């Protein structure tokens, strides 16, 4: 329902003799909504502008209540430390806050490589380099041990002969 409000000056200026009569219910609304001429100044602009300028209630929670009712995020501090040697031996340690959950767990190099690839490409590159260096060192060690084993077999064969 819309209600048009006219001031006393507008009513007399725009009310020619042929103006339609206003029903009593609308006249009461018009009279009660119009400002009284007894000392209250008229608002600037039209009544629609006055309605727009009236403070609107804000949406959401009041600012004072947000600090008390805000949901706090619970964080968990887990520290996983993975260490490796040049020989290719890897160990993992897990700490929850200040309490040790696991210490000195031996883990395979392949598992370390897979985990690093799952986490991030920037992690997998350097870890794979370390694992490859350890693999090459172990391959060289195997070759040296095989050569030493061959010499030992020859020495044993000479002693048996």
N, C-alpha and C. Protein backbone atom coordinates (compact mmCIF):
# COMPACT_ATOMS: atom_id res chain seq x y z
N UNK A 1 0.85 -1.17 0.00
CA UNK A 1 0.00 0.00 0.00
C UNK A 1 0.89 1.22 0.00
N UNK A 2 0.62 2.17 -0.84
CA UNK A 2 1.38 3.40 -0.87
C UNK A 2 0.49 4.54 -0.41
N UNK A 3 1.08 5.47 0.28
CA UNK A 3 0.34 6.63 0.78
C UNK A 3 1.05 7.87 0.30
N UNK A 4 0.35 8.72 -0.38
CA UNK A 4 0.92 9.99 -0.82
C UNK A 4 0.60 11.03 0.23
N UNK A 5 1.60 11.77 0.64
CA UNK A 5 1.41 12.79 1.66
C UNK A 5 1.57 14.14 1.01
N UNK A 6 0.61 15.01 1.21
CA UNK A 6 0.67 16.36 0.66
C UNK A 6 0.69 17.35 1.81
N UNK A 7 1.46 18.39 1.66
CA UNK A 7 1.45 19.44 2.68
C UNK A 7 0.23 20.31 2.46
N UNK A 8 -0.06 21.15 3.42
CA UNK A 8 -1.25 22.01 3.34
C UNK A 8 -1.20 22.92 2.11
N UNK A 9 0.01 23.45 1.79
CA UNK A 9 0.14 24.33 0.63
C UNK A 9 -0.10 23.56 -0.66
N UNK A 10 0.39 22.33 -0.74
CA UNK A 10 0.21 21.53 -1.94
C UNK A 10 -1.24 21.14 -2.12
N UNK A 11 -1.93 20.89 -1.00
CA UNK A 11 -3.34 20.50 -1.08
C UNK A 11 -4.18 21.65 -1.64
N UNK A 12 -3.91 22.84 -1.18
CA UNK A 12 -4.73 23.97 -1.65
C UNK A 12 -4.37 24.35 -3.07
N UNK A 13 -3.11 24.20 -3.47
CA UNK A 13 -2.71 24.58 -4.81
C UNK A 13 -3.17 23.55 -5.82
N UNK A 14 -3.17 22.29 -5.46
CA UNK A 14 -3.50 21.26 -6.43
C UNK A 14 -4.93 20.78 -6.30
N UNK A 15 -5.73 21.38 -5.49
CA UNK A 15 -7.11 20.93 -5.31
C UNK A 15 -8.06 21.85 -6.04
N UNK A 16 -8.24 21.69 -7.33
CA UNK A 16 -9.23 22.49 -8.05
C UNK A 16 -10.63 22.02 -7.66
N UNK A 17 -11.61 22.69 -8.15
CA UNK A 17 -12.99 22.39 -7.80
C UNK A 17 -13.40 21.02 -8.28
N UNK A 18 -12.75 20.49 -9.32
CA UNK A 18 -13.15 19.20 -9.86
C UNK A 18 -12.32 18.04 -9.31
N UNK A 19 -11.57 18.24 -8.24
CA UNK A 19 -10.74 17.17 -7.67
C UNK A 19 -11.61 16.10 -7.06
N UNK A 20 -11.24 14.83 -7.23
CA UNK A 20 -12.03 13.76 -6.65
C UNK A 20 -11.91 13.77 -5.14
N UNK A 21 -12.94 13.31 -4.50
CA UNK A 21 -12.94 13.27 -3.04
C UNK A 21 -12.11 12.09 -2.58
N UNK A 22 -11.41 12.29 -1.48
CA UNK A 22 -10.56 11.25 -0.89
C UNK A 22 -11.40 10.51 0.13
N UNK A 23 -11.36 9.18 0.15
CA UNK A 23 -12.11 8.44 1.16
C UNK A 23 -11.64 8.83 2.55
N UNK A 24 -12.48 8.62 3.55
CA UNK A 24 -12.19 9.03 4.92
C UNK A 24 -10.97 8.32 5.48
N UNK A 25 -10.77 7.04 5.17
CA UNK A 25 -9.63 6.29 5.70
C UNK A 25 -8.32 6.86 5.17
N UNK A 26 -8.27 7.19 3.86
CA UNK A 26 -7.06 7.76 3.30
C UNK A 26 -6.84 9.17 3.80
N UNK A 27 -7.89 9.90 4.03
CA UNK A 27 -7.75 11.26 4.53
C UNK A 27 -7.15 11.24 5.92
N UNK A 28 -7.54 10.29 6.73
CA UNK A 28 -6.98 10.19 8.08
C UNK A 28 -5.50 9.87 8.02
N UNK A 29 -5.13 8.98 7.11
CA UNK A 29 -3.72 8.63 6.96
C UNK A 29 -2.96 9.84 6.46
N UNK A 30 -3.51 10.56 5.51
CA UNK A 30 -2.85 11.73 4.97
C UNK A 30 -2.67 12.79 6.04
N UNK A 31 -3.68 13.02 6.84
CA UNK A 31 -3.57 14.05 7.88
C UNK A 31 -2.58 13.65 8.96
N UNK A 32 -2.59 12.37 9.35
CA UNK A 32 -1.68 11.97 10.42
C UNK A 32 -0.24 11.90 9.93
N UNK A 33 -0.04 11.62 8.65
CA UNK A 33 1.31 11.51 8.13
C UNK A 33 1.90 12.86 7.78
N UNK A 34 1.06 13.87 7.57
CA UNK A 34 1.60 15.17 7.19
C UNK A 34 2.14 15.87 8.42
N UNK A 35 3.23 16.62 8.25
CA UNK A 35 3.80 17.31 9.41
C UNK A 35 2.86 18.40 9.88
N UNK A 36 2.84 18.60 11.15
CA UNK A 36 2.00 19.66 11.70
C UNK A 36 2.65 21.00 11.46
N UNK A 37 1.85 22.00 11.34
CA UNK A 37 2.38 23.33 11.06
C UNK A 37 2.68 24.09 12.33
N UNK A 38 2.66 23.40 13.46
CA UNK A 38 2.85 24.08 14.73
C UNK A 38 4.30 24.02 15.21
N UNK A 39 5.26 24.36 14.45
CA UNK A 39 6.60 24.49 14.96
C UNK A 39 7.57 23.42 14.50
N UNK A 40 7.14 22.32 13.92
CA UNK A 40 8.13 21.35 13.46
C UNK A 40 8.46 21.67 12.02
N UNK A 41 9.75 21.78 11.69
CA UNK A 41 10.12 22.12 10.32
C UNK A 41 9.86 20.96 9.39
N UNK A 42 9.60 21.27 8.13
CA UNK A 42 9.35 20.24 7.14
C UNK A 42 10.66 19.57 6.77
N UNK A 43 10.64 18.25 6.54
CA UNK A 43 11.88 17.57 6.13
C UNK A 43 12.27 18.00 4.73
N UNK A 44 13.57 17.98 4.46
CA UNK A 44 14.06 18.37 3.14
C UNK A 44 13.73 17.27 2.16
N UNK A 45 13.22 17.65 1.02
CA UNK A 45 12.92 16.69 -0.02
C UNK A 45 11.56 16.04 0.16
N UNK A 46 11.31 15.02 -0.61
CA UNK A 46 10.02 14.34 -0.58
C UNK A 46 9.99 13.35 0.57
N UNK A 47 8.79 12.87 0.92
CA UNK A 47 8.69 11.87 1.99
C UNK A 47 9.42 10.59 1.64
N UNK A 48 9.52 10.23 0.36
CA UNK A 48 10.25 9.03 -0.02
C UNK A 48 11.73 9.18 0.30
N UNK A 49 12.28 10.37 0.09
CA UNK A 49 13.69 10.60 0.43
C UNK A 49 13.89 10.55 1.93
N UNK A 50 12.92 11.06 2.67
CA UNK A 50 13.02 11.02 4.13
C UNK A 50 13.00 9.59 4.62
N UNK A 51 12.21 8.74 3.99
CA UNK A 51 12.16 7.33 4.38
C UNK A 51 13.48 6.64 4.04
N UNK A 52 14.10 7.02 2.93
CA UNK A 52 15.38 6.43 2.56
C UNK A 52 16.49 6.88 3.50
N UNK A 53 16.41 8.10 4.01
CA UNK A 53 17.46 8.62 4.88
C UNK A 53 17.33 8.10 6.31
N UNK A 54 16.18 7.54 6.66
CA UNK A 54 16.00 7.02 8.01
C UNK A 54 16.97 5.86 8.21
N UNK A 55 17.54 5.74 9.40
CA UNK A 55 18.52 4.68 9.62
C UNK A 55 17.86 3.31 9.50
N UNK A 56 18.49 2.47 8.72
CA UNK A 56 17.98 1.11 8.52
C UNK A 56 18.68 0.19 9.51
N UNK A 57 17.97 -0.79 10.03
CA UNK A 57 18.65 -1.73 10.94
C UNK A 57 19.68 -2.53 10.17
N UNK A 58 20.82 -2.76 10.79
CA UNK A 58 21.90 -3.48 10.14
C UNK A 58 21.65 -4.98 10.23
N UNK A 59 22.11 -5.68 9.20
CA UNK A 59 21.95 -7.12 9.16
C UNK A 59 23.06 -7.80 9.94
N UNK A 60 22.82 -9.00 10.42
CA UNK A 60 23.86 -9.77 11.09
C UNK A 60 23.88 -9.53 12.58
N UNK A 61 24.94 -10.01 13.19
CA UNK A 61 25.10 -9.88 14.64
C UNK A 61 25.62 -8.50 15.00
N UNK A 62 25.29 -8.03 16.19
CA UNK A 62 25.89 -6.77 16.64
C UNK A 62 27.39 -6.93 16.83
N UNK A 63 28.12 -5.84 16.64
CA UNK A 63 29.57 -5.93 16.70
C UNK A 63 30.09 -6.35 18.06
N UNK A 64 29.47 -5.96 19.12
CA UNK A 64 29.94 -6.33 20.45
C UNK A 64 29.81 -7.81 20.71
N UNK A 65 28.85 -8.46 20.08
CA UNK A 65 28.61 -9.88 20.34
C UNK A 65 29.54 -10.77 19.53
N UNK A 66 30.15 -10.25 18.46
CA UNK A 66 30.96 -11.10 17.61
C UNK A 66 32.21 -11.60 18.32
N UNK A 67 32.80 -10.81 19.16
CA UNK A 67 34.01 -11.25 19.84
C UNK A 67 33.70 -12.36 20.84
N UNK A 68 32.57 -12.29 21.47
CA UNK A 68 32.24 -13.29 22.48
C UNK A 68 31.70 -14.57 21.86
N UNK A 69 31.03 -14.47 20.72
CA UNK A 69 30.39 -15.65 20.15
C UNK A 69 31.11 -16.19 18.93
N UNK A 70 32.22 -15.61 18.54
CA UNK A 70 32.94 -16.08 17.35
C UNK A 70 33.48 -17.48 17.60
N UNK A 71 33.38 -18.33 16.56
CA UNK A 71 33.88 -19.69 16.67
C UNK A 71 35.41 -19.67 16.53
N UNK A 72 36.06 -20.28 17.47
CA UNK A 72 37.52 -20.30 17.45
C UNK A 72 37.98 -21.58 16.76
N UNK A 73 38.96 -21.44 15.87
CA UNK A 73 39.50 -22.58 15.16
C UNK A 73 40.56 -23.25 16.02
N UNK A 74 40.41 -24.53 16.20
CA UNK A 74 41.37 -25.29 17.00
C UNK A 74 42.47 -25.79 16.07
N UNK A 75 43.70 -25.49 16.39
CA UNK A 75 44.82 -25.95 15.58
C UNK A 75 45.56 -27.06 16.32
N UNK A 76 46.09 -27.98 15.55
CA UNK A 76 46.86 -29.08 16.10
C UNK A 76 48.27 -28.96 15.54
N UNK A 77 49.24 -29.03 16.41
CA UNK A 77 50.63 -28.91 15.99
C UNK A 77 51.24 -30.30 15.94
N UNK A 78 51.48 -30.79 14.74
CA UNK A 78 52.16 -32.06 14.51
C UNK A 78 53.44 -31.75 13.75
N UNK A 79 54.55 -32.26 14.24
CA UNK A 79 55.83 -32.03 13.58
C UNK A 79 56.37 -33.38 13.13
N UNK A 80 56.50 -33.54 11.84
CA UNK A 80 57.06 -34.75 11.25
C UNK A 80 58.45 -34.41 10.73
N UNK A 81 59.43 -35.12 11.24
CA UNK A 81 60.81 -34.91 10.81
C UNK A 81 61.29 -36.17 10.11
N UNK A 82 61.73 -36.01 8.88
CA UNK A 82 62.26 -37.13 8.11
C UNK A 82 63.73 -36.83 7.85
N UNK A 83 64.59 -37.76 8.26
CA UNK A 83 66.03 -37.57 8.06
C UNK A 83 66.58 -38.74 7.27
N UNK A 84 67.58 -38.43 6.45
CA UNK A 84 68.20 -39.47 5.63
C UNK A 84 69.71 -39.35 5.69
N UNK A 85 70.37 -40.46 5.43
CA UNK A 85 71.83 -40.48 5.41
C UNK A 85 72.30 -40.66 3.97
N UNK A 86 73.57 -40.51 3.76
CA UNK A 86 74.15 -40.68 2.43
C UNK A 86 74.07 -42.15 2.00
N UNK A 87 73.94 -43.04 2.95
CA UNK A 87 73.82 -44.46 2.64
C UNK A 87 72.40 -44.85 2.22
N UNK A 88 71.46 -43.92 2.32
CA UNK A 88 70.09 -44.21 1.90
C UNK A 88 69.20 -44.70 3.03
N UNK A 89 69.64 -44.54 4.26
CA UNK A 89 68.82 -44.95 5.40
C UNK A 89 67.97 -43.75 5.82
N UNK A 90 66.67 -43.96 5.96
CA UNK A 90 65.74 -42.88 6.30
C UNK A 90 65.02 -43.21 7.60
N UNK A 91 64.83 -42.17 8.40
CA UNK A 91 64.11 -42.30 9.67
C UNK A 91 63.07 -41.19 9.78
N UNK A 92 62.00 -41.50 10.53
CA UNK A 92 60.95 -40.50 10.74
C UNK A 92 60.68 -40.37 12.24
N UNK A 93 60.38 -39.15 12.65
CA UNK A 93 59.99 -38.85 14.03
C UNK A 93 58.75 -37.98 13.98
N UNK A 94 57.81 -38.24 14.90
CA UNK A 94 56.57 -37.48 14.94
C UNK A 94 56.37 -36.95 16.34
N UNK A 95 56.07 -35.65 16.41
CA UNK A 95 55.89 -34.98 17.69
C UNK A 95 54.54 -34.27 17.67
N UNK A 96 53.72 -34.48 18.70
CA UNK A 96 52.42 -33.82 18.85
C UNK A 96 52.56 -32.79 19.95
N UNK A 97 52.70 -31.52 19.57
CA UNK A 97 52.96 -30.47 20.56
C UNK A 97 54.36 -30.67 21.14
N UNK A 98 54.44 -31.00 22.42
CA UNK A 98 55.75 -31.25 23.04
C UNK A 98 55.94 -32.72 23.36
N UNK A 99 54.99 -33.57 22.97
CA UNK A 99 55.05 -35.00 23.28
C UNK A 99 55.46 -35.79 22.05
N UNK A 100 56.44 -36.68 22.20
CA UNK A 100 56.88 -37.52 21.11
C UNK A 100 55.87 -38.64 20.90
N UNK A 101 55.42 -38.80 19.67
CA UNK A 101 54.52 -39.88 19.31
C UNK A 101 55.33 -41.07 18.81
N UNK A 102 56.34 -40.81 17.98
CA UNK A 102 57.20 -41.85 17.44
C UNK A 102 58.59 -41.27 17.23
N UNK A 103 59.59 -42.08 17.53
CA UNK A 103 60.98 -41.66 17.34
C UNK A 103 61.76 -42.78 16.67
N UNK A 104 62.62 -42.41 15.73
CA UNK A 104 63.55 -43.36 15.12
C UNK A 104 62.90 -44.45 14.30
N UNK A 105 61.78 -44.19 13.67
CA UNK A 105 61.14 -45.20 12.82
C UNK A 105 61.88 -45.27 11.50
N UNK A 106 62.36 -46.47 11.14
CA UNK A 106 63.03 -46.63 9.85
C UNK A 106 61.97 -46.74 8.77
N UNK A 107 62.17 -45.97 7.70
CA UNK A 107 61.23 -45.98 6.59
C UNK A 107 62.01 -46.15 5.29
N UNK A 108 61.42 -46.81 4.30
CA UNK A 108 62.12 -47.01 3.02
C UNK A 108 62.23 -45.72 2.22
N UNK A 109 63.29 -45.63 1.45
CA UNK A 109 63.53 -44.44 0.63
C UNK A 109 62.41 -44.27 -0.40
N UNK A 110 61.86 -45.35 -0.90
CA UNK A 110 60.77 -45.25 -1.88
C UNK A 110 59.54 -44.58 -1.25
N UNK A 111 59.28 -44.88 0.02
CA UNK A 111 58.14 -44.25 0.70
C UNK A 111 58.37 -42.75 0.88
N UNK A 112 59.61 -42.38 1.18
CA UNK A 112 59.95 -40.96 1.32
C UNK A 112 59.74 -40.24 -0.01
N UNK A 113 60.18 -40.87 -1.10
CA UNK A 113 60.04 -40.28 -2.42
C UNK A 113 58.56 -40.12 -2.79
N UNK A 114 57.76 -41.16 -2.54
CA UNK A 114 56.32 -41.07 -2.86
C UNK A 114 55.64 -39.98 -2.04
N UNK A 115 55.97 -39.92 -0.75
CA UNK A 115 55.35 -38.91 0.13
C UNK A 115 55.72 -37.50 -0.33
N UNK A 116 56.98 -37.30 -0.71
CA UNK A 116 57.42 -35.98 -1.17
C UNK A 116 56.69 -35.58 -2.44
N UNK A 117 56.49 -36.54 -3.36
CA UNK A 117 55.76 -36.25 -4.60
C UNK A 117 54.32 -35.88 -4.30
N UNK A 118 53.71 -36.54 -3.32
CA UNK A 118 52.33 -36.23 -2.93
C UNK A 118 52.23 -34.85 -2.30
N UNK A 119 53.22 -34.45 -1.53
CA UNK A 119 53.16 -33.17 -0.83
C UNK A 119 53.34 -31.99 -1.78
N UNK A 120 54.45 -31.98 -2.52
CA UNK A 120 54.71 -30.82 -3.39
C UNK A 120 55.89 -31.13 -4.30
N UNK A 121 55.83 -30.61 -5.52
CA UNK A 121 56.91 -30.84 -6.49
C UNK A 121 58.22 -30.21 -6.03
N UNK A 122 58.15 -29.09 -5.31
CA UNK A 122 59.37 -28.45 -4.82
C UNK A 122 60.07 -29.30 -3.78
N UNK A 123 59.33 -30.17 -3.10
CA UNK A 123 59.94 -31.06 -2.11
C UNK A 123 60.51 -32.31 -2.77
N UNK A 124 59.82 -32.82 -3.77
CA UNK A 124 60.23 -34.10 -4.35
C UNK A 124 61.54 -33.99 -5.13
N UNK A 125 61.79 -32.86 -5.77
CA UNK A 125 63.03 -32.70 -6.55
C UNK A 125 64.29 -32.90 -5.72
N UNK A 126 64.49 -32.10 -4.67
CA UNK A 126 65.71 -32.26 -3.86
C UNK A 126 65.78 -33.62 -3.15
N UNK A 127 64.66 -34.15 -2.72
CA UNK A 127 64.68 -35.45 -2.04
C UNK A 127 65.05 -36.56 -3.02
N UNK A 128 64.50 -36.50 -4.23
CA UNK A 128 64.85 -37.50 -5.23
C UNK A 128 66.32 -37.42 -5.60
N UNK A 129 66.90 -36.23 -5.63
CA UNK A 129 68.34 -36.09 -5.89
C UNK A 129 69.16 -36.80 -4.81
N UNK A 130 68.78 -36.60 -3.56
CA UNK A 130 69.49 -37.25 -2.45
C UNK A 130 69.35 -38.76 -2.55
N UNK A 131 68.15 -39.23 -2.86
CA UNK A 131 67.93 -40.67 -2.98
C UNK A 131 68.72 -41.25 -4.15
N UNK A 132 68.78 -40.54 -5.28
CA UNK A 132 69.55 -41.02 -6.43
C UNK A 132 71.05 -41.07 -6.12
N UNK A 133 71.56 -40.07 -5.40
CA UNK A 133 72.98 -40.10 -5.00
C UNK A 133 73.26 -41.29 -4.09
N UNK A 134 72.33 -41.55 -3.16
CA UNK A 134 72.50 -42.71 -2.27
C UNK A 134 72.43 -44.01 -3.07
N UNK A 135 71.55 -44.07 -4.08
CA UNK A 135 71.43 -45.26 -4.92
C UNK A 135 72.73 -45.50 -5.68
N UNK A 136 73.30 -44.43 -6.25
CA UNK A 136 74.57 -44.57 -6.97
C UNK A 136 75.70 -45.00 -6.04
N UNK A 137 75.72 -44.45 -4.83
CA UNK A 137 76.75 -44.82 -3.86
C UNK A 137 76.60 -46.29 -3.47
N UNK A 138 75.35 -46.75 -3.28
CA UNK A 138 75.12 -48.16 -2.94
C UNK A 138 75.49 -49.07 -4.11
N UNK A 139 75.18 -48.62 -5.34
CA UNK A 139 75.54 -49.43 -6.52
C UNK A 139 77.06 -49.56 -6.62
N UNK A 140 77.79 -48.48 -6.34
CA UNK A 140 79.26 -48.54 -6.37
C UNK A 140 79.78 -49.46 -5.26
N UNK A 141 79.15 -49.41 -4.12
CA UNK A 141 79.54 -50.25 -3.00
C UNK A 141 79.29 -51.73 -3.33
N UNK A 142 78.16 -52.03 -3.98
CA UNK A 142 77.84 -53.40 -4.39
C UNK A 142 78.87 -53.89 -5.41
N UNK A 143 79.21 -53.02 -6.35
CA UNK A 143 80.20 -53.40 -7.36
C UNK A 143 81.56 -53.69 -6.70
N UNK A 144 81.95 -52.86 -5.74
CA UNK A 144 83.22 -53.08 -5.04
C UNK A 144 83.16 -54.38 -4.24
N UNK A 145 82.05 -54.64 -3.57
CA UNK A 145 81.92 -55.86 -2.78
C UNK A 145 81.88 -57.11 -3.68
N UNK A 146 81.23 -57.01 -4.86
CA UNK A 146 81.21 -58.14 -5.79
C UNK A 146 82.62 -58.45 -6.30
N UNK A 147 83.38 -57.38 -6.57
CA UNK A 147 84.77 -57.58 -7.02
C UNK A 147 85.58 -58.24 -5.90
N UNK A 148 85.38 -57.81 -4.68
CA UNK A 148 86.10 -58.39 -3.54
C UNK A 148 85.67 -59.85 -3.33
N UNK A 149 84.38 -60.14 -3.52
CA UNK A 149 83.88 -61.51 -3.39
C UNK A 149 84.49 -62.40 -4.46
N UNK A 150 84.61 -61.92 -5.66
CA UNK A 150 85.21 -62.69 -6.76
C UNK A 150 86.66 -63.03 -6.44
N UNK A 151 87.39 -62.07 -5.88
CA UNK A 151 88.78 -62.32 -5.49
C UNK A 151 88.84 -63.37 -4.39
N UNK A 152 87.91 -63.28 -3.43
CA UNK A 152 87.90 -64.24 -2.34
C UNK A 152 87.56 -65.64 -2.86
N UNK A 153 86.67 -65.76 -3.83
CA UNK A 153 86.34 -67.07 -4.42
C UNK A 153 87.54 -67.67 -5.14
N UNK A 154 88.28 -66.80 -5.85
CA UNK A 154 89.47 -67.28 -6.56
C UNK A 154 90.51 -67.77 -5.56
N UNK A 155 90.69 -67.02 -4.48
CA UNK A 155 91.68 -67.41 -3.46
C UNK A 155 91.28 -68.74 -2.83
N UNK A 156 90.01 -68.96 -2.59
CA UNK A 156 89.53 -70.20 -2.00
C UNK A 156 89.72 -71.36 -2.98
N UNK A 157 89.48 -71.11 -4.26
CA UNK A 157 89.64 -72.15 -5.26
C UNK A 157 91.11 -72.57 -5.37
N UNK A 158 92.03 -71.66 -5.25
CA UNK A 158 93.45 -71.96 -5.30
C UNK A 158 93.88 -72.76 -4.09
N UNK A 159 93.28 -72.47 -2.94
CA UNK A 159 93.62 -73.22 -1.73
C UNK A 159 93.08 -74.65 -1.77
N UNK A 160 91.96 -74.85 -2.42
CA UNK A 160 91.37 -76.19 -2.53
C UNK A 160 92.08 -77.02 -3.57
N UNK A 161 92.72 -76.45 -4.48
CA UNK A 161 93.31 -77.19 -5.57
C UNK A 161 94.58 -77.84 -5.24
